[in-house]
């Protein structure tokens, strides 16, 4: 399933919340990808000035397990910095998402959803002949 949240596409498997989730839990727990270890935090990348890449994170998920899964901030920063080092080298900075960024992201996602609803509604209208 592909959802658009502003300029970002969120891709989710159709088989359920995670293709590695088995009846007894995570089948790849010891070798799980960084994204899984980071959850319920989401990583985002913003290019900064002078070649610096700004890596941000937020915990704005509707997952009911969010409270149990959240890790200490220091661990989140470590995982995000590890990703930054692997992907962009030494010129990265890590920071939590700011309130303005969160509000903007939510507003953009809402606008895209509203535009999608309008497209559907327009498609259902019968045109006079």
C-alpha atoms as a PDB file:
ATOM      1  CA  UNK A   1       0.000   0.000   0.000  1.00  0.00           C
ATOM      2  CA  UNK A   2       1.314   3.458  -0.878  1.00  0.00           C
ATOM      3  CA  UNK A   3       0.096   6.587   0.931  1.00  0.00           C
ATOM      4  CA  UNK A   4       1.213  10.074   0.133  1.00  0.00           C
ATOM      5  CA  UNK A   5       1.960  12.349   3.059  1.00  0.00           C
ATOM      6  CA  UNK A   6       2.849  15.657   1.493  1.00  0.00           C
ATOM      7  CA  UNK A   7       5.837  15.220  -0.775  1.00  0.00           C
ATOM      8  CA  UNK A   8       6.718  11.875   0.883  1.00  0.00           C
ATOM      9  CA  UNK A   9       5.376   8.477  -0.136  1.00  0.00           C
ATOM     10  CA  UNK A  10       4.883   6.014   2.730  1.00  0.00           C
ATOM     11  CA  UNK A  11       5.091   2.408   1.561  1.00  0.00           C
ATOM     12  CA  UNK A  12       3.568  -0.318   3.730  1.00  0.00           C
ATOM     13  CA  UNK A  13       3.320  -4.030   3.002  1.00  0.00           C
ATOM     14  CA  UNK A  14      -0.152  -5.360   2.207  1.00  0.00           C
ATOM     15  CA  UNK A  15       0.425  -8.502   4.266  1.00  0.00           C
ATOM     16  CA  UNK A  16       0.000  -6.726   7.588  1.00  0.00           C
ATOM     17  CA  UNK A  17       1.951  -4.339   9.753  1.00  0.00           C
ATOM     18  CA  UNK A  18       5.280  -6.030   8.989  1.00  0.00           C
ATOM     19  CA  UNK A  19       6.228  -8.962   6.749  1.00  0.00           C
ATOM     20  CA  UNK A  20       8.637 -10.219   9.452  1.00  0.00           C
ATOM     21  CA  UNK A  21       6.029 -10.305  12.230  1.00  0.00           C
ATOM     22  CA  UNK A  22       5.182 -13.884  13.147  1.00  0.00           C
ATOM     23  CA  UNK A  23       2.751 -15.263  15.692  1.00  0.00           C
ATOM     24  CA  UNK A  24       5.484 -15.306  18.353  1.00  0.00           C
ATOM     25  CA  UNK A  25       6.908 -11.889  17.505  1.00  0.00           C
ATOM     26  CA  UNK A  26       9.600 -10.541  15.226  1.00  0.00           C
ATOM     27  CA  UNK A  27      11.253 -13.284  13.156  1.00  0.00           C
ATOM     28  CA  UNK A  28      14.361 -11.169  12.452  1.00  0.00           C
ATOM     29  CA  UNK A  29      14.626  -9.387  15.812  1.00  0.00           C
ATOM     30  CA  UNK A  30      18.383  -9.812  16.254  1.00  0.00           C
ATOM     31  CA  UNK A  31      19.112  -8.746  12.672  1.00  0.00           C
ATOM     32  CA  UNK A  32      16.303  -6.264  12.116  1.00  0.00           C
ATOM     33  CA  UNK A  33      16.923  -3.191   9.968  1.00  0.00           C
ATOM     34  CA  UNK A  34      17.686   0.175  11.529  1.00  0.00           C
ATOM     35  CA  UNK A  35      14.176   1.410  10.651  1.00  0.00           C
ATOM     36  CA  UNK A  36      12.690  -1.359  12.779  1.00  0.00           C
ATOM     37  CA  UNK A  37      15.023  -0.656  15.660  1.00  0.00           C
ATOM     38  CA  UNK A  38      14.162   3.043  15.454  1.00  0.00           C
ATOM     39  CA  UNK A  39      10.378   2.538  15.466  1.00  0.00           C
ATOM     40  CA  UNK A  40       8.140   4.247  16.644  1.00  0.00           C
ATOM     41  CA  UNK A  41      10.402   7.125  15.663  1.00  0.00           C
ATOM     42  CA  UNK A  42      10.508   8.248  12.055  1.00  0.00           C
ATOM     43  CA  UNK A  43      13.649   9.611  10.461  1.00  0.00           C
ATOM     44  CA  UNK A  44      13.639  12.454   7.932  1.00  0.00           C
ATOM     45  CA  UNK A  45      16.420  14.152   6.021  1.00  0.00           C
ATOM     46  CA  UNK A  46      16.729  17.849   5.324  1.00  0.00           C
ATOM     47  CA  UNK A  47      19.653  19.193   3.361  1.00  0.00           C
ATOM     48  CA  UNK A  48      21.325  22.016   5.224  1.00  0.00           C
ATOM     49  CA  UNK A  49      23.673  24.722   4.074  1.00  0.00           C
ATOM     50  CA  UNK A  50      27.387  24.346   3.367  1.00  0.00           C
ATOM     51  CA  UNK A  51      27.120  20.629   2.634  1.00  0.00           C
ATOM     52  CA  UNK A  52      25.724  19.720   6.049  1.00  0.00           C
ATOM     53  CA  UNK A  53      22.836  17.264   6.068  1.00  0.00           C
ATOM     54  CA  UNK A  54      20.300  17.736   8.843  1.00  0.00           C
ATOM     55  CA  UNK A  55      18.704  14.521  10.082  1.00  0.00           C
ATOM     56  CA  UNK A  56      15.559  14.849  12.105  1.00  0.00           C
ATOM     57  CA  UNK A  57      13.262  12.456  13.889  1.00  0.00           C
ATOM     58  CA  UNK A  58       9.788  12.462  15.370  1.00  0.00           C
ATOM     59  CA  UNK A  59       7.496  10.064  17.191  1.00  0.00           C
ATOM     60  CA  UNK A  60       4.216  11.124  15.627  1.00  0.00           C
ATOM     61  CA  UNK A  61       2.645   7.752  14.994  1.00  0.00           C
ATOM     62  CA  UNK A  62      -0.830   6.411  15.685  1.00  0.00           C
ATOM     63  CA  UNK A  63       0.590   3.077  16.825  1.00  0.00           C
ATOM     64  CA  UNK A  64      -1.114   2.056  20.098  1.00  0.00           C
ATOM     65  CA  UNK A  65       2.160   0.422  21.225  1.00  0.00           C
ATOM     66  CA  UNK A  66       4.131   3.662  20.871  1.00  0.00           C
ATOM     67  CA  UNK A  67       4.540   4.158  24.611  1.00  0.00           C
ATOM     68  CA  UNK A  68       5.939   0.662  25.156  1.00  0.00           C
ATOM     69  CA  UNK A  69       8.190   0.731  22.095  1.00  0.00           C
ATOM     70  CA  UNK A  70       9.752   4.177  22.514  1.00  0.00           C
ATOM     71  CA  UNK A  71      13.397   4.140  23.520  1.00  0.00           C
ATOM     72  CA  UNK A  72      15.443   6.750  25.375  1.00  0.00           C
ATOM     73  CA  UNK A  73      16.287   9.881  23.383  1.00  0.00           C
ATOM     74  CA  UNK A  74      20.025   9.097  23.538  1.00  0.00           C
ATOM     75  CA  UNK A  75      19.433   5.775  21.747  1.00  0.00           C
ATOM     76  CA  UNK A  76      17.293   7.471  19.079  1.00  0.00           C
ATOM     77  CA  UNK A  77      20.001  10.071  18.467  1.00  0.00           C
ATOM     78  CA  UNK A  78      22.635   7.315  18.261  1.00  0.00           C
ATOM     79  CA  UNK A  79      20.653   5.335  15.645  1.00  0.00           C
ATOM     80  CA  UNK A  80      19.878   8.445  13.585  1.00  0.00           C
ATOM     81  CA  UNK A  81      23.534   9.554  13.757  1.00  0.00           C
ATOM     82  CA  UNK A  82      24.620   6.037  12.709  1.00  0.00           C
ATOM     83  CA  UNK A  83      22.353   6.287   9.680  1.00  0.00           C
ATOM     84  CA  UNK A  84      23.736   9.750   8.885  1.00  0.00           C
ATOM     85  CA  UNK A  85      27.312   8.519   9.080  1.00  0.00           C
ATOM     86  CA  UNK A  86      26.555   5.566   6.779  1.00  0.00           C
ATOM     87  CA  UNK A  87      24.549   7.613   4.278  1.00  0.00           C
ATOM     88  CA  UNK A  88      26.225  11.038   4.267  1.00  0.00           C
ATOM     89  CA  UNK A  89      29.555  10.812   6.087  1.00  0.00           C
ATOM     90  CA  UNK A  90      30.747  13.178   8.780  1.00  0.00           C
ATOM     91  CA  UNK A  91      28.800  16.280   7.765  1.00  0.00           C
ATOM     92  CA  UNK A  92      25.512  15.487   9.485  1.00  0.00           C
ATOM     93  CA  UNK A  93      23.598  16.948  12.382  1.00  0.00           C
ATOM     94  CA  UNK A  94      20.810  15.249  14.323  1.00  0.00           C
ATOM     95  CA  UNK A  95      17.859  16.970  15.958  1.00  0.00           C
ATOM     96  CA  UNK A  96      14.291  16.280  17.024  1.00  0.00           C
ATOM     97  CA  UNK A  97      11.510  17.614  14.837  1.00  0.00           C
ATOM     98  CA  UNK A  98      10.535  21.124  15.857  1.00  0.00           C
ATOM     99  CA  UNK A  99       6.943  22.091  16.600  1.00  0.00           C
ATOM    100  CA  UNK A 100       6.712  24.247  13.465  1.00  0.00           C
ATOM    101  CA  UNK A 101       7.962  21.352  11.315  1.00  0.00           C
ATOM    102  CA  UNK A 102       5.420  18.981  12.847  1.00  0.00           C
ATOM    103  CA  UNK A 103       2.562  21.413  12.263  1.00  0.00           C
ATOM    104  CA  UNK A 104       3.695  22.034   8.696  1.00  0.00           C
ATOM    105  CA  UNK A 105       4.020  18.301   7.976  1.00  0.00           C
ATOM    106  CA  UNK A 106       0.542  17.643   9.341  1.00  0.00           C
ATOM    107  CA  UNK A 107      -0.949  20.566   7.394  1.00  0.00           C
ATOM    108  CA  UNK A 108       0.637  19.390   4.144  1.00  0.00           C
ATOM    109  CA  UNK A 109      -0.565  15.813   4.706  1.00  0.00           C
ATOM    110  CA  UNK A 110      -4.077  17.087   5.446  1.00  0.00           C
ATOM    111  CA  UNK A 111      -4.054  19.239   2.301  1.00  0.00           C
ATOM    112  CA  UNK A 112      -3.010  16.269   0.154  1.00  0.00           C
ATOM    113  CA  UNK A 113      -5.742  14.101   1.685  1.00  0.00           C
ATOM    114  CA  UNK A 114      -8.339  16.821   1.092  1.00  0.00           C
ATOM    115  CA  UNK A 115      -7.194  17.194  -2.522  1.00  0.00           C
ATOM    116  CA  UNK A 116      -7.548  13.429  -2.976  1.00  0.00           C
ATOM    117  CA  UNK A 117     -11.084  13.495  -1.590  1.00  0.00           C
ATOM    118  CA  UNK A 118     -11.966  16.364  -3.915  1.00  0.00           C
ATOM    119  CA  UNK A 119     -10.616  14.424  -6.907  1.00  0.00           C
ATOM    120  CA  UNK A 120     -12.772  11.442  -5.945  1.00  0.00           C
ATOM    121  CA  UNK A 121     -15.847  13.621  -5.465  1.00  0.00           C
ATOM    122  CA  UNK A 122     -15.307  15.361  -8.796  1.00  0.00           C
ATOM    123  CA  UNK A 123     -15.014  11.984 -10.491  1.00  0.00           C
ATOM    124  CA  UNK A 124     -18.401  10.924  -9.072  1.00  0.00           C
ATOM    125  CA  UNK A 125     -20.312  13.961 -10.310  1.00  0.00           C
ATOM    126  CA  UNK A 126     -22.544  13.380 -13.253  1.00  0.00           C
ATOM    127  CA  UNK A 127     -22.023  15.841 -16.034  1.00  0.00           C
ATOM    128  CA  UNK A 128     -25.036  17.408 -17.712  1.00  0.00           C
ATOM    129  CA  UNK A 129     -25.519  16.308 -21.301  1.00  0.00           C
END
